[in-house]
Amino acid sequence: MKPDILLLDRFSESGEAQLDAVYRVHRFYAGSVALDDIAQTVRAIVTSGAKGAPNAVIDKLTPWRSLQSAAWGPTLSISIERAGVRSMSRRLQTY
């Protein structure tokens, strides 16, 4: 069984195909995801630096052990404290 991830922003067709090959992808940006239904199974958020992760989404999901982002510094649109992460790393791969 593939791990569940929540995709908050669109990526290239090939990038999303790579994610689909490895994960069960819930496309939040498409508007058809009920967070309450998937909150206990989602283990990662995939997002862009511009989109970030809204607090309302983070609040619905379980605490994170780590957070990876292509964005860093002032462009990071994710509340690390709110997400309850223990560590954070910059992810360099672009989808």
PDB file of N, CA and C in Angstrom:
ATOM      1  N   MET A   1       0.840  -1.183   0.000  1.00  0.00           N
ATOM      2  CA  MET A   1       0.000   0.000   0.000  1.00  0.00           C
ATOM      3  C   MET A   1       0.886   1.249   0.000  1.00  0.00           C
ATOM      4  N   LYS A   2       0.552   2.194  -0.840  1.00  0.00           N
ATOM      5  CA  LYS A   2       1.326   3.425  -0.955  1.00  0.00           C
ATOM      6  C   LYS A   2       0.995   4.377   0.200  1.00  0.00           C
ATOM      7  N   PRO A   3       2.008   5.101   0.709  1.00  0.00           N
ATOM      8  CA  PRO A   3       1.738   6.121   1.730  1.00  0.00           C
ATOM      9  C   PRO A   3       0.924   7.276   1.134  1.00  0.00           C
ATOM     10  N   ASP A   4       0.082   7.876   1.960  1.00  0.00           N
ATOM     11  CA  ASP A   4      -0.756   8.998   1.521  1.00  0.00           C
ATOM     12  C   ASP A   4      -0.012  10.313   1.691  1.00  0.00           C
ATOM     13  N   ILE A   5      -0.106  11.175   0.669  1.00  0.00           N
ATOM     14  CA  ILE A   5       0.424  12.540   0.754  1.00  0.00           C
ATOM     15  C   ILE A   5      -0.648  13.514   0.309  1.00  0.00           C
ATOM     16  N   LEU A   6      -0.536  14.733   0.779  1.00  0.00           N
ATOM     17  CA  LEU A   6      -1.467  15.788   0.423  1.00  0.00           C
ATOM     18  C   LEU A   6      -0.743  16.782  -0.479  1.00  0.00           C
ATOM     19  N   LEU A   7      -1.238  16.956  -1.680  1.00  0.00           N
ATOM     20  CA  LEU A   7      -0.634  17.865  -2.658  1.00  0.00           C
ATOM     21  C   LEU A   7      -1.420  19.171  -2.641  1.00  0.00           C
ATOM     22  N   LEU A   8      -0.777  20.239  -2.178  1.00  0.00           N
ATOM     23  CA  LEU A   8      -1.457  21.522  -2.013  1.00  0.00           C
ATOM     24  C   LEU A   8      -1.388  22.421  -3.239  1.00  0.00           C
ATOM     25  N   ASP A   9      -0.448  22.185  -4.114  1.00  0.00           N
ATOM     26  CA  ASP A   9      -0.273  23.046  -5.281  1.00  0.00           C
ATOM     27  C   ASP A   9       0.014  22.177  -6.497  1.00  0.00           C
ATOM     28  N   ARG A  10      -0.286  22.706  -7.655  1.00  0.00           N
ATOM     29  CA  ARG A  10       0.001  21.976  -8.891  1.00  0.00           C
ATOM     30  C   ARG A  10       1.490  21.966  -9.175  1.00  0.00           C
ATOM     31  N   PHE A  11       1.923  20.863  -9.769  1.00  0.00           N
ATOM     32  CA  PHE A  11       3.288  20.745 -10.238  1.00  0.00           C
ATOM     33  C   PHE A  11       3.239  20.319 -11.696  1.00  0.00           C
ATOM     34  N   SER A  12       4.368  20.166 -12.305  1.00  0.00           N
ATOM     35  CA  SER A  12       4.384  19.746 -13.705  1.00  0.00           C
ATOM     36  C   SER A  12       3.724  18.371 -13.834  1.00  0.00           C
ATOM     37  N   GLU A  13       3.261  18.078 -15.021  1.00  0.00           N
ATOM     38  CA  GLU A  13       2.621  16.785 -15.266  1.00  0.00           C
ATOM     39  C   GLU A  13       3.566  15.636 -14.935  1.00  0.00           C
ATOM     40  N   SER A  14       4.822  15.776 -15.339  1.00  0.00           N
ATOM     41  CA  SER A  14       5.793  14.709 -15.050  1.00  0.00           C
ATOM     42  C   SER A  14       6.100  14.628 -13.553  1.00  0.00           C
ATOM     43  N   GLY A  15       6.129  15.760 -12.882  1.00  0.00           N
ATOM     44  CA  GLY A  15       6.366  15.772 -11.439  1.00  0.00           C
ATOM     45  C   GLY A  15       5.248  15.079 -10.680  1.00  0.00           C
ATOM     46  N   GLU A  16       4.011  15.368 -11.060  1.00  0.00           N
ATOM     47  CA  GLU A  16       2.880  14.723 -10.404  1.00  0.00           C
ATOM     48  C   GLU A  16       2.832  13.235 -10.736  1.00  0.00           C
ATOM     49  N   ALA A  17       3.251  12.874 -11.939  1.00  0.00           N
ATOM     50  CA  ALA A  17       3.299  11.452 -12.316  1.00  0.00           C
ATOM     51  C   ALA A  17       4.322  10.713 -11.444  1.00  0.00           C
ATOM     52  N   GLN A  18       5.440  11.364 -11.129  1.00  0.00           N
ATOM     53  CA  GLN A  18       6.443  10.765 -10.244  1.00  0.00           C
ATOM     54  C   GLN A  18       5.862  10.538  -8.851  1.00  0.00           C
ATOM     55  N   LEU A  19       5.117  11.506  -8.370  1.00  0.00           N
ATOM     56  CA  LEU A  19       4.483  11.362  -7.064  1.00  0.00           C
ATOM     57  C   LEU A  19       3.448  10.232  -7.084  1.00  0.00           C
ATOM     58  N   ASP A  20       2.642  10.187  -8.145  1.00  0.00           N
ATOM     59  CA  ASP A  20       1.619   9.142  -8.271  1.00  0.00           C
ATOM     60  C   ASP A  20       2.217   7.739  -8.289  1.00  0.00           C
ATOM     61  N   ALA A  21       3.413   7.622  -8.824  1.00  0.00           N
ATOM     62  CA  ALA A  21       4.055   6.305  -8.927  1.00  0.00           C
ATOM     63  C   ALA A  21       4.445   5.759  -7.552  1.00  0.00           C
ATOM     64  N   VAL A  22       4.685   6.642  -6.603  1.00  0.00           N
ATOM     65  CA  VAL A  22       5.200   6.222  -5.302  1.00  0.00           C
ATOM     66  C   VAL A  22       4.181   6.399  -4.171  1.00  0.00           C
ATOM     67  N   TYR A  23       3.278   7.369  -4.318  1.00  0.00           N
ATOM     68  CA  TYR A  23       2.362   7.731  -3.244  1.00  0.00           C
ATOM     69  C   TYR A  23       0.909   7.688  -3.701  1.00  0.00           C
ATOM     70  N   ARG A  24       0.030   7.595  -2.727  1.00  0.00           N
ATOM     71  CA  ARG A  24      -1.399   7.834  -2.976  1.00  0.00           C
ATOM     72  C   ARG A  24      -1.582   9.334  -2.773  1.00  0.00           C
ATOM     73  N   VAL A  25      -1.812  10.060  -3.855  1.00  0.00           N
ATOM     74  CA  VAL A  25      -1.810  11.522  -3.843  1.00  0.00           C
ATOM     75  C   VAL A  25      -3.231  12.059  -3.703  1.00  0.00           C
ATOM     76  N   HIS A  26      -3.430  12.895  -2.696  1.00  0.00           N
ATOM     77  CA  HIS A  26      -4.699  13.597  -2.497  1.00  0.00           C
ATOM     78  C   HIS A  26      -4.484  15.032  -2.962  1.00  0.00           C
ATOM     79  N   ARG A  27      -5.156  15.419  -4.032  1.00  0.00           N
ATOM     80  CA  ARG A  27      -4.950  16.734  -4.652  1.00  0.00           C
ATOM     81  C   ARG A  27      -5.878  17.784  -4.040  1.00  0.00           C
ATOM     82  N   PHE A  28      -5.372  18.443  -3.012  1.00  0.00           N
ATOM     83  CA  PHE A  28      -6.132  19.468  -2.311  1.00  0.00           C
ATOM     84  C   PHE A  28      -6.457  20.637  -3.229  1.00  0.00           C
ATOM     85  N   TYR A  29      -5.532  20.979  -4.106  1.00  0.00           N
ATOM     86  CA  TYR A  29      -5.741  22.117  -5.008  1.00  0.00           C
ATOM     87  C   TYR A  29      -6.936  21.896  -5.938  1.00  0.00           C
ATOM     88  N   ALA A  30      -7.326  20.653  -6.163  1.00  0.00           N
ATOM     89  CA  ALA A  30      -8.459  20.351  -7.045  1.00  0.00           C
ATOM     90  C   ALA A  30      -9.800  20.560  -6.349  1.00  0.00           C
ATOM     91  N   GLY A  31      -9.767  20.751  -5.019  1.00  0.00           N
ATOM     92  CA  GLY A  31     -10.992  21.052  -4.293  1.00  0.00           C
ATOM     93  C   GLY A  31     -11.850  19.849  -3.940  1.00  0.00           C
ATOM     94  N   SER A  32     -11.343  18.651  -4.136  1.00  0.00           N
ATOM     95  CA  SER A  32     -12.173  17.470  -3.894  1.00  0.00           C
ATOM     96  C   SER A  32     -11.714  16.648  -2.691  1.00  0.00           C
ATOM     97  N   VAL A  33     -10.904  17.240  -1.814  1.00  0.00           N
ATOM     98  CA  VAL A  33     -10.368  16.512  -0.667  1.00  0.00           C
ATOM     99  C   VAL A  33     -11.029  17.009   0.611  1.00  0.00           C
ATOM    100  N   ALA A  34     -11.586  16.079   1.379  1.00  0.00           N
ATOM    101  CA  ALA A  34     -12.127  16.396   2.697  1.00  0.00           C
ATOM    102  C   ALA A  34     -11.049  16.055   3.724  1.00  0.00           C
ATOM    103  N   LEU A  35     -10.440  17.070   4.304  1.00  0.00           N
ATOM    104  CA  LEU A  35      -9.327  16.855   5.225  1.00  0.00           C
ATOM    105  C   LEU A  35      -9.684  15.926   6.382  1.00  0.00           C
ATOM    106  N   ASP A  36     -10.889  16.024   6.889  1.00  0.00           N
ATOM    107  CA  ASP A  36     -11.299  15.164   7.998  1.00  0.00           C
ATOM    108  C   ASP A  36     -11.235  13.689   7.609  1.00  0.00           C
ATOM    109  N   ASP A  37     -11.476  13.381   6.350  1.00  0.00           N
ATOM    110  CA  ASP A  37     -11.483  11.995   5.882  1.00  0.00           C
ATOM    111  C   ASP A  37     -10.085  11.403   5.735  1.00  0.00           C
ATOM    112  N   ILE A  38      -9.091  12.239   5.517  1.00  0.00           N
ATOM    113  CA  ILE A  38      -7.737  11.729   5.256  1.00  0.00           C
ATOM    114  C   ILE A  38      -6.717  12.111   6.326  1.00  0.00           C
ATOM    115  N   ALA A  39      -7.124  12.886   7.311  1.00  0.00           N
ATOM    116  CA  ALA A  39      -6.190  13.442   8.298  1.00  0.00           C
ATOM    117  C   ALA A  39      -5.345  12.385   8.994  1.00  0.00           C
ATOM    118  N   GLN A  40      -5.891  11.245   9.279  1.00  0.00           N
ATOM    119  CA  GLN A  40      -5.146  10.218  10.012  1.00  0.00           C
ATOM    120  C   GLN A  40      -4.211   9.404   9.131  1.00  0.00           C
ATOM    121  N   THR A  41      -4.374   9.491   7.811  1.00  0.00           N
ATOM    122  CA  THR A  41      -3.540   8.676   6.926  1.00  0.00           C
ATOM    123  C   THR A  41      -2.454   9.467   6.214  1.00  0.00           C
ATOM    124  N   VAL A  42      -2.624  10.772   6.079  1.00  0.00           N
ATOM    125  CA  VAL A  42      -1.645  11.597   5.367  1.00  0.00           C
ATOM    126  C   VAL A  42      -0.369  11.704   6.192  1.00  0.00           C
ATOM    127  N   ARG A  43       0.768  11.430   5.556  1.00  0.00           N
ATOM    128  CA  ARG A  43       2.048  11.464   6.253  1.00  0.00           C
ATOM    129  C   ARG A  43       2.970  12.577   5.761  1.00  0.00           C
ATOM    130  N   ALA A  44       2.576  13.252   4.696  1.00  0.00           N
ATOM    131  CA  ALA A  44       3.417  14.332   4.175  1.00  0.00           C
ATOM    132  C   ALA A  44       2.573  15.311   3.385  1.00  0.00           C
ATOM    133  N   ILE A  45       3.042  16.541   3.359  1.00  0.00           N
ATOM    134  CA  ILE A  45       2.449  17.576   2.523  1.00  0.00           C
ATOM    135  C   ILE A  45       3.461  17.916   1.444  1.00  0.00           C
ATOM    136  N   VAL A  46       2.985  18.037   0.220  1.00  0.00           N
ATOM    137  CA  VAL A  46       3.820  18.498  -0.883  1.00  0.00           C
ATOM    138  C   VAL A  46       3.227  19.828  -1.326  1.00  0.00           C
ATOM    139  N   THR A  47       4.073  20.850  -1.339  1.00  0.00           N
ATOM    140  CA  THR A  47       3.599  22.184  -1.676  1.00  0.00           C
ATOM    141  C   THR A  47       4.724  22.986  -2.307  1.00  0.00           C
ATOM    142  N   SER A  48       4.386  24.129  -2.822  1.00  0.00           N
ATOM    143  CA  SER A  48       5.392  25.033  -3.385  1.00  0.00           C
ATOM    144  C   SER A  48       5.731  26.092  -2.343  1.00  0.00           C
ATOM    145  N   GLY A  49       6.823  26.791  -2.568  1.00  0.00           N
ATOM    146  CA  GLY A  49       7.191  27.873  -1.672  1.00  0.00           C
ATOM    147  C   GLY A  49       6.176  28.995  -1.683  1.00  0.00           C
ATOM    148  N   ALA A  50       5.589  29.255  -2.840  1.00  0.00           N
ATOM    149  CA  ALA A  50       4.606  30.329  -2.963  1.00  0.00           C
ATOM    150  C   ALA A  50       3.293  29.965  -2.274  1.00  0.00           C
ATOM    151  N   LYS A  51       2.889  28.723  -2.390  1.00  0.00           N
ATOM    152  CA  LYS A  51       1.616  28.277  -1.817  1.00  0.00           C
ATOM    153  C   LYS A  51       1.735  28.020  -0.320  1.00  0.00           C
ATOM    154  N   GLY A  52       2.807  27.383   0.071  1.00  0.00           N
ATOM    155  CA  GLY A  52       2.988  27.062   1.487  1.00  0.00           C
ATOM    156  C   GLY A  52       1.950  26.073   1.982  1.00  0.00           C
ATOM    157  N   ALA A  53       1.716  26.078   3.276  1.00  0.00           N
ATOM    158  CA  ALA A  53       0.718  25.220   3.903  1.00  0.00           C
ATOM    159  C   ALA A  53      -0.085  26.066   4.878  1.00  0.00           C
ATOM    160  N   PRO A  54      -1.346  26.327   4.555  1.00  0.00           N
ATOM    161  CA  PRO A  54      -2.179  27.153   5.435  1.00  0.00           C
ATOM    162  C   PRO A  54      -2.338  26.526   6.821  1.00  0.00           C
ATOM    163  N   ASN A  55      -2.440  27.367   7.836  1.00  0.00           N
ATOM    164  CA  ASN A  55      -2.612  26.876   9.199  1.00  0.00           C
ATOM    165  C   ASN A  55      -3.835  25.976   9.335  1.00  0.00           C
ATOM    166  N   ALA A  56      -4.900  26.271   8.619  1.00  0.00           N
ATOM    167  CA  ALA A  56      -6.116  25.453   8.692  1.00  0.00           C
ATOM    168  C   ALA A  56      -5.838  24.015   8.248  1.00  0.00           C
ATOM    169  N   VAL A  57      -4.951  23.846   7.275  1.00  0.00           N
ATOM    170  CA  VAL A  57      -4.586  22.501   6.810  1.00  0.00           C
ATOM    171  C   VAL A  57      -3.695  21.826   7.841  1.00  0.00           C
ATOM    172  N   ILE A  58      -2.688  22.519   8.321  1.00  0.00           N
ATOM    173  CA  ILE A  58      -1.776  21.959   9.315  1.00  0.00           C
ATOM    174  C   ILE A  58      -2.541  21.530  10.567  1.00  0.00           C
ATOM    175  N   ASP A  59      -3.491  22.343  10.992  1.00  0.00           N
ATOM    176  CA  ASP A  59      -4.258  22.044  12.208  1.00  0.00           C
ATOM    177  C   ASP A  59      -5.073  20.756  12.091  1.00  0.00           C
ATOM    178  N   LYS A  60      -5.479  20.402  10.889  1.00  0.00           N
ATOM    179  CA  LYS A  60      -6.291  19.193  10.679  1.00  0.00           C
ATOM    180  C   LYS A  60      -5.458  17.916  10.650  1.00  0.00           C
ATOM    181  N   LEU A  61      -4.175  18.044  10.382  1.00  0.00           N
ATOM    182  CA  LEU A  61      -3.328  16.876  10.196  1.00  0.00           C
ATOM    183  C   LEU A  61      -2.552  16.546  11.456  1.00  0.00           C
ATOM    184  N   THR A  62      -2.075  15.318  11.537  1.00  0.00           N
ATOM    185  CA  THR A  62      -1.329  14.878  12.705  1.00  0.00           C
ATOM    186  C   THR A  62       0.017  15.591  12.771  1.00  0.00           C
ATOM    187  N   PRO A  63       0.650  15.660  13.967  1.00  0.00           N
ATOM    188  CA  PRO A  63       1.963  16.320  14.076  1.00  0.00           C
ATOM    189  C   PRO A  63       3.002  15.663  13.165  1.00  0.00           C
ATOM    190  N   TRP A  64       3.894  16.479  12.660  1.00  0.00           N
ATOM    191  CA  TRP A  64       4.930  16.020  11.729  1.00  0.00           C
ATOM    192  C   TRP A  64       6.224  15.750  12.455  1.00  0.00           C
ATOM    193  N   ARG A  65       6.945  14.738  12.024  1.00  0.00           N
ATOM    194  CA  ARG A  65       8.274  14.475  12.567  1.00  0.00           C
ATOM    195  C   ARG A  65       9.316  15.326  11.866  1.00  0.00           C
ATOM    196  N   SER A  66       9.111  15.578  10.593  1.00  0.00           N
ATOM    197  CA  SER A  66      10.034  16.435   9.850  1.00  0.00           C
ATOM    198  C   SER A  66       9.263  17.145   8.764  1.00  0.00           C
ATOM    199  N   LEU A  67       9.868  18.180   8.244  1.00  0.00           N
ATOM    200  CA  LEU A  67       9.251  18.981   7.204  1.00  0.00           C
ATOM    201  C   LEU A  67      10.315  19.293   6.171  1.00  0.00           C
ATOM    202  N   GLN A  68       9.982  19.105   4.905  1.00  0.00           N
ATOM    203  CA  GLN A  68      10.921  19.419   3.838  1.00  0.00           C
ATOM    204  C   GLN A  68      10.267  20.433   2.914  1.00  0.00           C
ATOM    205  N   SER A  69      11.049  21.385   2.482  1.00  0.00           N
ATOM    206  CA  SER A  69      10.513  22.427   1.626  1.00  0.00           C
ATOM    207  C   SER A  69      11.557  22.865   0.614  1.00  0.00           C
ATOM    208  N   ALA A  70      11.085  23.199  -0.573  1.00  0.00           N
ATOM    209  CA  ALA A  70      11.972  23.754  -1.586  1.00  0.00           C
ATOM    210  C   ALA A  70      12.250  25.223  -1.278  1.00  0.00           C
ATOM    211  N   ALA A  71      11.379  25.844  -0.486  1.00  0.00           N
ATOM    212  CA  ALA A  71      11.555  27.243  -0.098  1.00  0.00           C
ATOM    213  C   ALA A  71      12.319  27.311   1.213  1.00  0.00           C
ATOM    214  N   TRP A  72      12.939  28.435   1.463  1.00  0.00           N
ATOM    215  CA  TRP A  72      13.716  28.599   2.689  1.00  0.00           C
ATOM    216  C   TRP A  72      13.708  30.059   3.078  1.00  0.00           C
ATOM    217  N   GLY A  73      13.812  30.345   4.337  1.00  0.00           N
ATOM    218  CA  GLY A  73      13.899  31.720   4.798  1.00  0.00           C
ATOM    219  C   GLY A  73      12.585  32.454   4.701  1.00  0.00           C
ATOM    220  N   PRO A  74      12.628  33.729   4.325  1.00  0.00           N
ATOM    221  CA  PRO A  74      11.420  34.552   4.341  1.00  0.00           C
ATOM    222  C   PRO A  74      10.355  34.103   3.337  1.00  0.00           C
ATOM    223  N   THR A  75      10.724  33.262   2.366  1.00  0.00           N
ATOM    224  CA  THR A  75       9.724  32.810   1.398  1.00  0.00           C
ATOM    225  C   THR A  75       8.951  31.599   1.887  1.00  0.00           C
ATOM    226  N   LEU A  76       9.336  31.014   3.020  1.00  0.00           N
ATOM    227  CA  LEU A  76       8.666  29.835   3.542  1.00  0.00           C
ATOM    228  C   LEU A  76       7.302  30.216   4.097  1.00  0.00           C
ATOM    229  N   SER A  77       6.251  29.624   3.552  1.00  0.00           N
ATOM    230  CA  SER A  77       4.879  29.944   3.945  1.00  0.00           C
ATOM    231  C   SER A  77       4.275  28.828   4.777  1.00  0.00           C
ATOM    232  N   ILE A  78       5.048  28.316   5.727  1.00  0.00           N
ATOM    233  CA  ILE A  78       4.589  27.229   6.589  1.00  0.00           C
ATOM    234  C   ILE A  78       4.957  27.586   8.018  1.00  0.00           C
ATOM    235  N   SER A  79       4.000  27.474   8.919  1.00  0.00           N
ATOM    236  CA  SER A  79       4.276  27.743  10.325  1.00  0.00           C
ATOM    237  C   SER A  79       4.897  26.502  10.951  1.00  0.00           C
ATOM    238  N   ILE A  80       6.203  26.526  11.140  1.00  0.00           N
ATOM    239  CA  ILE A  80       6.929  25.374  11.675  1.00  0.00           C
ATOM    240  C   ILE A  80       6.463  25.056  13.095  1.00  0.00           C
ATOM    241  N   GLU A  81       6.296  26.075  13.913  1.00  0.00           N
ATOM    242  CA  GLU A  81       5.856  25.849  15.282  1.00  0.00           C
ATOM    243  C   GLU A  81       4.475  25.213  15.304  1.00  0.00           C
ATOM    244  N   ARG A  82       3.596  25.690  14.469  1.00  0.00           N
ATOM    245  CA  ARG A  82       2.234  25.168  14.430  1.00  0.00           C
ATOM    246  C   ARG A  82       2.213  23.726  13.943  1.00  0.00           C
ATOM    247  N   ALA A  83       3.098  23.394  13.018  1.00  0.00           N
ATOM    248  CA  ALA A  83       3.154  22.031  12.488  1.00  0.00           C
ATOM    249  C   ALA A  83       3.713  21.057  13.518  1.00  0.00           C
ATOM    250  N   GLY A  84       4.396  21.561  14.524  1.00  0.00           N
ATOM    251  CA  GLY A  84       4.930  20.704  15.578  1.00  0.00           C
ATOM    252  C   GLY A  84       6.079  19.818  15.115  1.00  0.00           C
ATOM    253  N   VAL A  85       6.848  20.312  14.162  1.00  0.00           N
ATOM    254  CA  VAL A  85       7.947  19.491  13.648  1.00  0.00           C
ATOM    255  C   VAL A  85       9.135  19.526  14.589  1.00  0.00           C
ATOM    256  N   ARG A  86       9.899  18.439  14.576  1.00  0.00           N
ATOM    257  CA  ARG A  86      11.108  18.361  15.374  1.00  0.00           C
ATOM    258  C   ARG A  86      12.340  18.737  14.578  1.00  0.00           C
ATOM    259  N   SER A  87      12.254  18.610  13.266  1.00  0.00           N
ATOM    260  CA  SER A  87      13.394  18.972  12.430  1.00  0.00           C
ATOM    261  C   SER A  87      12.888  19.467  11.093  1.00  0.00           C
ATOM    262  N   MET A  88      13.719  20.219  10.418  1.00  0.00           N
ATOM    263  CA  MET A  88      13.349  20.731   9.110  1.00  0.00           C
ATOM    264  C   MET A  88      14.572  20.692   8.221  1.00  0.00           C
ATOM    265  N   SER A  89      14.360  20.328   6.969  1.00  0.00           N
ATOM    266  CA  SER A  89      15.452  20.338   6.012  1.00  0.00           C
ATOM    267  C   SER A  89      14.961  20.935   4.707  1.00  0.00           C
ATOM    268  N   ARG A  90      15.886  21.444   3.966  1.00  0.00           N
ATOM    269  CA  ARG A  90      15.544  22.020   2.675  1.00  0.00           C
ATOM    270  C   ARG A  90      15.617  20.922   1.618  1.00  0.00           C
ATOM    271  N   ARG A  91      14.576  20.784   0.865  1.00  0.00           N
ATOM    272  CA  ARG A  91      14.520  19.783  -0.191  1.00  0.00           C
ATOM    273  C   ARG A  91      14.869  20.478  -1.496  1.00  0.00           C
ATOM    274  N   LEU A  92      15.856  19.974  -2.194  1.00  0.00           N
ATOM    275  CA  LEU A  92      16.334  20.645  -3.392  1.00  0.00           C
ATOM    276  C   LEU A  92      15.669  20.130  -4.665  1.00  0.00           C
ATOM    277  N   GLN A  93      15.088  18.947  -4.620  1.00  0.00           N
ATOM    278  CA  GLN A  93      14.470  18.397  -5.821  1.00  0.00           C
ATOM    279  C   GLN A  93      13.248  19.217  -6.216  1.00  0.00           C
ATOM    280  N   THR A  94      13.102  19.485  -7.484  1.00  0.00           N
ATOM    281  CA  THR A  94      11.964  20.238  -7.997  1.00  0.00           C
ATOM    282  C   THR A  94      11.085  19.308  -8.808  1.00  0.00           C
ATOM    283  N   TYR A  95       9.799  19.383  -8.552  1.00  0.00           N
ATOM    284  CA  TYR A  95       8.847  18.542  -9.303  1.00  0.00           C
ATOM    285  C   TYR A  95       8.184  19.344 -10.389  1.00  0.00           C
TER     286      TYR A  95
END
